[in-house]
Amino acid sequence: MNLLSKTIECPFCGHAMHLSVEVTDDDQDYTEDCTNCCNPIHIRVHKDELHHSVQLFIDADDEQYY
């Protein structure tokens, strides 16, 4: 199991929060609530096999943040 740990900032309030994501071969798309302001944060995870990397996209209201 590949586990990615990353500290992100909430796109609503700027609060830093710890995020742990299990990296799979399939793309992931889910919502997680901010631990500070409780607003929903949209998270997308993409495993790039060609470049041997993982891309993490954080946004709110369909506006890309990272």
PDB file of N, CA and C in Angstrom:
ATOM      1  N   MET A   1       0.844  -1.184   0.000  1.00  0.00           N
ATOM      2  CA  MET A   1       0.000   0.000   0.000  1.00  0.00           C
ATOM      3  C   MET A   1       0.885   1.242   0.000  1.00  0.00           C
ATOM      4  N   ASN A   2       0.621   2.146  -0.930  1.00  0.00           N
ATOM      5  CA  ASN A   2       1.334   3.415  -0.998  1.00  0.00           C
ATOM      6  C   ASN A   2       0.488   4.475  -0.318  1.00  0.00           C
ATOM      7  N   LEU A   3       1.072   5.144   0.656  1.00  0.00           N
ATOM      8  CA  LEU A   3       0.361   6.176   1.389  1.00  0.00           C
ATOM      9  C   LEU A   3       1.098   7.495   1.216  1.00  0.00           C
ATOM     10  N   LEU A   4       0.400   8.504   0.734  1.00  0.00           N
ATOM     11  CA  LEU A   4       0.954   9.837   0.545  1.00  0.00           C
ATOM     12  C   LEU A   4       0.482  10.714   1.689  1.00  0.00           C
ATOM     13  N   SER A   5       1.422  11.333   2.388  1.00  0.00           N
ATOM     14  CA  SER A   5       1.090  12.267   3.462  1.00  0.00           C
ATOM     15  C   SER A   5       1.494  13.657   3.013  1.00  0.00           C
ATOM     16  N   LYS A   6       0.566  14.580   3.131  1.00  0.00           N
ATOM     17  CA  LYS A   6       0.800  15.932   2.654  1.00  0.00           C
ATOM     18  C   LYS A   6       0.075  16.918   3.562  1.00  0.00           C
ATOM     19  N   THR A   7       0.686  18.063   3.800  1.00  0.00           N
ATOM     20  CA  THR A   7       0.020  19.143   4.516  1.00  0.00           C
ATOM     21  C   THR A   7      -0.509  20.108   3.466  1.00  0.00           C
ATOM     22  N   ILE A   8      -1.809  20.367   3.522  1.00  0.00           N
ATOM     23  CA  ILE A   8      -2.450  21.266   2.564  1.00  0.00           C
ATOM     24  C   ILE A   8      -3.060  22.443   3.308  1.00  0.00           C
ATOM     25  N   GLU A   9      -3.399  23.486   2.572  1.00  0.00           N
ATOM     26  CA  GLU A   9      -4.112  24.628   3.149  1.00  0.00           C
ATOM     27  C   GLU A   9      -5.534  24.625   2.628  1.00  0.00           C
ATOM     28  N   CYS A  10      -6.468  24.864   3.507  1.00  0.00           N
ATOM     29  CA  CYS A  10      -7.868  24.946   3.124  1.00  0.00           C
ATOM     30  C   CYS A  10      -8.052  26.124   2.173  1.00  0.00           C
ATOM     31  N   PRO A  11      -8.693  25.907   1.018  1.00  0.00           N
ATOM     32  CA  PRO A  11      -8.909  27.016   0.087  1.00  0.00           C
ATOM     33  C   PRO A  11      -9.918  28.047   0.591  1.00  0.00           C
ATOM     34  N   PHE A  12     -10.621  27.725   1.665  1.00  0.00           N
ATOM     35  CA  PHE A  12     -11.603  28.662   2.236  1.00  0.00           C
ATOM     36  C   PHE A  12     -10.991  29.535   3.325  1.00  0.00           C
ATOM     37  N   CYS A  13     -10.341  28.897   4.310  1.00  0.00           N
ATOM     38  CA  CYS A  13      -9.868  29.652   5.479  1.00  0.00           C
ATOM     39  C   CYS A  13      -8.340  29.689   5.612  1.00  0.00           C
ATOM     40  N   GLY A  14      -7.621  28.914   4.799  1.00  0.00           N
ATOM     41  CA  GLY A  14      -6.163  28.918   4.850  1.00  0.00           C
ATOM     42  C   GLY A  14      -5.570  28.060   5.947  1.00  0.00           C
ATOM     43  N   HIS A  15      -6.405  27.369   6.703  1.00  0.00           N
ATOM     44  CA  HIS A  15      -5.934  26.514   7.789  1.00  0.00           C
ATOM     45  C   HIS A  15      -5.128  25.341   7.227  1.00  0.00           C
ATOM     46  N   ALA A  16      -3.967  25.088   7.813  1.00  0.00           N
ATOM     47  CA  ALA A  16      -3.145  23.949   7.398  1.00  0.00           C
ATOM     48  C   ALA A  16      -3.717  22.678   8.006  1.00  0.00           C
ATOM     49  N   MET A  17      -3.862  21.644   7.176  1.00  0.00           N
ATOM     50  CA  MET A  17      -4.365  20.377   7.693  1.00  0.00           C
ATOM     51  C   MET A  17      -3.598  19.227   7.062  1.00  0.00           C
ATOM     52  N   HIS A  18      -3.449  18.156   7.814  1.00  0.00           N
ATOM     53  CA  HIS A  18      -2.728  16.977   7.368  1.00  0.00           C
ATOM     54  C   HIS A  18      -3.665  16.081   6.571  1.00  0.00           C
ATOM     55  N   LEU A  19      -3.185  15.618   5.427  1.00  0.00           N
ATOM     56  CA  LEU A  19      -3.976  14.768   4.555  1.00  0.00           C
ATOM     57  C   LEU A  19      -3.178  13.503   4.258  1.00  0.00           C
ATOM     58  N   SER A  20      -3.788  12.352   4.459  1.00  0.00           N
ATOM     59  CA  SER A  20      -3.179  11.068   4.109  1.00  0.00           C
ATOM     60  C   SER A  20      -4.040  10.430   3.032  1.00  0.00           C
ATOM     61  N   VAL A  21      -3.416  10.106   1.895  1.00  0.00           N
ATOM     62  CA  VAL A  21      -4.131   9.567   0.757  1.00  0.00           C
ATOM     63  C   VAL A  21      -3.498   8.235   0.362  1.00  0.00           C
ATOM     64  N   GLU A  22      -4.323   7.204   0.236  1.00  0.00           N
ATOM     65  CA  GLU A  22      -3.843   5.932  -0.268  1.00  0.00           C
ATOM     66  C   GLU A  22      -3.784   6.035  -1.790  1.00  0.00           C
ATOM     67  N   VAL A  23      -2.588   5.876  -2.340  1.00  0.00           N
ATOM     68  CA  VAL A  23      -2.384   6.009  -3.782  1.00  0.00           C
ATOM     69  C   VAL A  23      -2.662   4.666  -4.446  1.00  0.00           C
ATOM     70  N   THR A  24      -3.609   4.673  -5.371  1.00  0.00           N
ATOM     71  CA  THR A  24      -3.966   3.471  -6.122  1.00  0.00           C
ATOM     72  C   THR A  24      -3.692   3.714  -7.597  1.00  0.00           C
ATOM     73  N   ASP A  25      -3.880   2.703  -8.412  1.00  0.00           N
ATOM     74  CA  ASP A  25      -3.691   2.859  -9.850  1.00  0.00           C
ATOM     75  C   ASP A  25      -4.805   3.680 -10.480  1.00  0.00           C
ATOM     76  N   ASP A  26      -5.955   3.719  -9.839  1.00  0.00           N
ATOM     77  CA  ASP A  26      -7.089   4.490 -10.345  1.00  0.00           C
ATOM     78  C   ASP A  26      -7.063   5.909  -9.791  1.00  0.00           C
ATOM     79  N   ASP A  27      -7.524   6.858 -10.599  1.00  0.00           N
ATOM     80  CA  ASP A  27      -7.658   8.234 -10.117  1.00  0.00           C
ATOM     81  C   ASP A  27      -8.720   8.276  -9.025  1.00  0.00           C
ATOM     82  N   GLN A  28      -8.543   9.195  -8.091  1.00  0.00           N
ATOM     83  CA  GLN A  28      -9.501   9.351  -7.003  1.00  0.00           C
ATOM     84  C   GLN A  28     -10.058  10.775  -7.053  1.00  0.00           C
ATOM     85  N   ASP A  29     -11.305  10.894  -6.692  1.00  0.00           N
ATOM     86  CA  ASP A  29     -11.991  12.177  -6.688  1.00  0.00           C
ATOM     87  C   ASP A  29     -12.963  12.150  -5.515  1.00  0.00           C
ATOM     88  N   TYR A  30     -12.700  12.960  -4.488  1.00  0.00           N
ATOM     89  CA  TYR A  30     -13.567  12.933  -3.317  1.00  0.00           C
ATOM     90  C   TYR A  30     -13.555  14.278  -2.596  1.00  0.00           C
ATOM     91  N   THR A  31     -14.403  14.402  -1.610  1.00  0.00           N
ATOM     92  CA  THR A  31     -14.522  15.617  -0.818  1.00  0.00           C
ATOM     93  C   THR A  31     -14.216  15.308   0.635  1.00  0.00           C
ATOM     94  N   GLU A  32     -13.462  16.200   1.255  1.00  0.00           N
ATOM     95  CA  GLU A  32     -13.150  16.066   2.676  1.00  0.00           C
ATOM     96  C   GLU A  32     -13.374  17.424   3.334  1.00  0.00           C
ATOM     97  N   ASP A  33     -13.989  17.426   4.501  1.00  0.00           N
ATOM     98  CA  ASP A  33     -14.280  18.686   5.188  1.00  0.00           C
ATOM     99  C   ASP A  33     -13.035  19.229   5.884  1.00  0.00           C
ATOM    100  N   CYS A  34     -12.887  20.549   5.845  1.00  0.00           N
ATOM    101  CA  CYS A  34     -11.799  21.216   6.556  1.00  0.00           C
ATOM    102  C   CYS A  34     -11.985  20.986   8.057  1.00  0.00           C
ATOM    103  N   THR A  35     -10.894  20.705   8.750  1.00  0.00           N
ATOM    104  CA  THR A  35     -10.968  20.462  10.197  1.00  0.00           C
ATOM    105  C   THR A  35     -11.184  21.746  10.982  1.00  0.00           C
ATOM    106  N   ASN A  36     -11.009  22.904  10.334  1.00  0.00           N
ATOM    107  CA  ASN A  36     -11.171  24.174  11.024  1.00  0.00           C
ATOM    108  C   ASN A  36     -12.529  24.829  10.720  1.00  0.00           C
ATOM    109  N   CYS A  37     -12.838  25.038   9.430  1.00  0.00           N
ATOM    110  CA  CYS A  37     -14.062  25.772   9.068  1.00  0.00           C
ATOM    111  C   CYS A  37     -15.195  24.855   8.584  1.00  0.00           C
ATOM    112  N   CYS A  38     -14.911  23.564   8.433  1.00  0.00           N
ATOM    113  CA  CYS A  38     -15.897  22.545   8.038  1.00  0.00           C
ATOM    114  C   CYS A  38     -16.417  22.688   6.604  1.00  0.00           C
ATOM    115  N   ASN A  39     -15.831  23.559   5.787  1.00  0.00           N
ATOM    116  CA  ASN A  39     -16.224  23.668   4.388  1.00  0.00           C
ATOM    117  C   ASN A  39     -15.691  22.468   3.604  1.00  0.00           C
ATOM    118  N   PRO A  40     -16.403  22.042   2.570  1.00  0.00           N
ATOM    119  CA  PRO A  40     -15.966  20.881   1.794  1.00  0.00           C
ATOM    120  C   PRO A  40     -14.817  21.224   0.838  1.00  0.00           C
ATOM    121  N   ILE A  41     -13.750  20.437   0.909  1.00  0.00           N
ATOM    122  CA  ILE A  41     -12.585  20.610   0.049  1.00  0.00           C
ATOM    123  C   ILE A  41     -12.601  19.491  -0.990  1.00  0.00           C
ATOM    124  N   HIS A  42     -12.556  19.868  -2.262  1.00  0.00           N
ATOM    125  CA  HIS A  42     -12.546  18.896  -3.356  1.00  0.00           C
ATOM    126  C   HIS A  42     -11.100  18.438  -3.584  1.00  0.00           C
ATOM    127  N   ILE A  43     -10.877  17.124  -3.542  1.00  0.00           N
ATOM    128  CA  ILE A  43      -9.540  16.551  -3.674  1.00  0.00           C
ATOM    129  C   ILE A  43      -9.535  15.565  -4.833  1.00  0.00           C
ATOM    130  N   ARG A  44      -8.552  15.732  -5.724  1.00  0.00           N
ATOM    131  CA  ARG A  44      -8.351  14.777  -6.819  1.00  0.00           C
ATOM    132  C   ARG A  44      -6.924  14.270  -6.758  1.00  0.00           C
ATOM    133  N   VAL A  45      -6.761  12.952  -6.933  1.00  0.00           N
ATOM    134  CA  VAL A  45      -5.453  12.321  -6.894  1.00  0.00           C
ATOM    135  C   VAL A  45      -5.240  11.581  -8.211  1.00  0.00           C
ATOM    136  N   HIS A  46      -4.096  11.838  -8.841  1.00  0.00           N
ATOM    137  CA  HIS A  46      -3.773  11.181 -10.112  1.00  0.00           C
ATOM    138  C   HIS A  46      -2.370  10.586 -10.009  1.00  0.00           C
ATOM    139  N   LYS A  47      -2.263   9.292 -10.279  1.00  0.00           N
ATOM    140  CA  LYS A  47      -0.962   8.621 -10.288  1.00  0.00           C
ATOM    141  C   LYS A  47      -0.440   8.656 -11.714  1.00  0.00           C
ATOM    142  N   ASP A  48       0.690   9.332 -11.914  1.00  0.00           N
ATOM    143  CA  ASP A  48       1.307   9.465 -13.231  1.00  0.00           C
ATOM    144  C   ASP A  48       2.386   8.394 -13.378  1.00  0.00           C
ATOM    145  N   GLU A  49       2.028   7.287 -14.008  1.00  0.00           N
ATOM    146  CA  GLU A  49       2.951   6.162 -14.173  1.00  0.00           C
ATOM    147  C   GLU A  49       4.161   6.545 -15.018  1.00  0.00           C
ATOM    148  N   LEU A  50       3.946   7.349 -16.058  1.00  0.00           N
ATOM    149  CA  LEU A  50       5.016   7.729 -16.976  1.00  0.00           C
ATOM    150  C   LEU A  50       6.139   8.485 -16.259  1.00  0.00           C
ATOM    151  N   HIS A  51       5.759   9.409 -15.384  1.00  0.00           N
ATOM    152  CA  HIS A  51       6.743  10.237 -14.679  1.00  0.00           C
ATOM    153  C   HIS A  51       7.005   9.762 -13.249  1.00  0.00           C
ATOM    154  N   HIS A  52       6.406   8.644 -12.873  1.00  0.00           N
ATOM    155  CA  HIS A  52       6.582   8.069 -11.533  1.00  0.00           C
ATOM    156  C   HIS A  52       6.298   9.112 -10.442  1.00  0.00           C
ATOM    157  N   SER A  53       5.151   9.763 -10.577  1.00  0.00           N
ATOM    158  CA  SER A  53       4.787  10.784  -9.601  1.00  0.00           C
ATOM    159  C   SER A  53       3.300  10.713  -9.292  1.00  0.00           C
ATOM    160  N   VAL A  54       2.917  11.432  -8.260  1.00  0.00           N
ATOM    161  CA  VAL A  54       1.515  11.527  -7.868  1.00  0.00           C
ATOM    162  C   VAL A  54       1.136  12.998  -7.899  1.00  0.00           C
ATOM    163  N   GLN A  55       0.036  13.311  -8.560  1.00  0.00           N
ATOM    164  CA  GLN A  55      -0.446  14.682  -8.633  1.00  0.00           C
ATOM    165  C   GLN A  55      -1.648  14.824  -7.711  1.00  0.00           C
ATOM    166  N   LEU A  56      -1.614  15.859  -6.893  1.00  0.00           N
ATOM    167  CA  LEU A  56      -2.680  16.132  -5.944  1.00  0.00           C
ATOM    168  C   LEU A  56      -3.273  17.493  -6.288  1.00  0.00           C
ATOM    169  N   PHE A  57      -4.577  17.522  -6.531  1.00  0.00           N
ATOM    170  CA  PHE A  57      -5.276  18.759  -6.877  1.00  0.00           C
ATOM    171  C   PHE A  57      -6.280  19.081  -5.770  1.00  0.00           C
ATOM    172  N   ILE A  58      -6.200  20.290  -5.256  1.00  0.00           N
ATOM    173  CA  ILE A  58      -7.080  20.755  -4.189  1.00  0.00           C
ATOM    174  C   ILE A  58      -7.845  21.960  -4.718  1.00  0.00           C
ATOM    175  N   ASP A  59      -9.171  21.942  -4.597  1.00  0.00           N
ATOM    176  CA  ASP A  59      -9.927  23.110  -5.032  1.00  0.00           C
ATOM    177  C   ASP A  59     -11.238  23.237  -4.267  1.00  0.00           C
ATOM    178  N   ALA A  60     -11.867  24.385  -4.493  1.00  0.00           N
ATOM    179  CA  ALA A  60     -13.152  24.674  -3.868  1.00  0.00           C
ATOM    180  C   ALA A  60     -14.050  25.314  -4.911  1.00  0.00           C
ATOM    181  N   ASP A  61     -15.292  24.885  -4.973  1.00  0.00           N
ATOM    182  CA  ASP A  61     -16.252  25.460  -5.916  1.00  0.00           C
ATOM    183  C   ASP A  61     -15.759  25.412  -7.362  1.00  0.00           C
ATOM    184  N   ASP A  62     -15.137  24.303  -7.739  1.00  0.00           N
ATOM    185  CA  ASP A  62     -14.630  24.085  -9.084  1.00  0.00           C
ATOM    186  C   ASP A  62     -13.576  25.093  -9.524  1.00  0.00           C
ATOM    187  N   GLU A  63     -12.953  25.766  -8.586  1.00  0.00           N
ATOM    188  CA  GLU A  63     -11.872  26.677  -8.895  1.00  0.00           C
ATOM    189  C   GLU A  63     -10.585  26.061  -8.399  1.00  0.00           C
ATOM    190  N   GLN A  64      -9.656  25.729  -9.293  1.00  0.00           N
ATOM    191  CA  GLN A  64      -8.451  25.012  -8.891  1.00  0.00           C
ATOM    192  C   GLN A  64      -7.572  25.884  -8.014  1.00  0.00           C
ATOM    193  N   TYR A  65      -7.073  25.282  -6.940  1.00  0.00           N
ATOM    194  CA  TYR A  65      -6.275  25.990  -5.958  1.00  0.00           C
ATOM    195  C   TYR A  65      -4.794  25.673  -6.109  1.00  0.00           C
ATOM    196  N   TYR A  66      -4.448  24.380  -6.238  1.00  0.00           N
ATOM    197  CA  TYR A  66      -3.051  23.965  -6.444  1.00  0.00           C
ATOM    198  C   TYR A  66      -2.857  23.610  -7.884  1.00  0.00           C
TER     199      TYR A  66
END
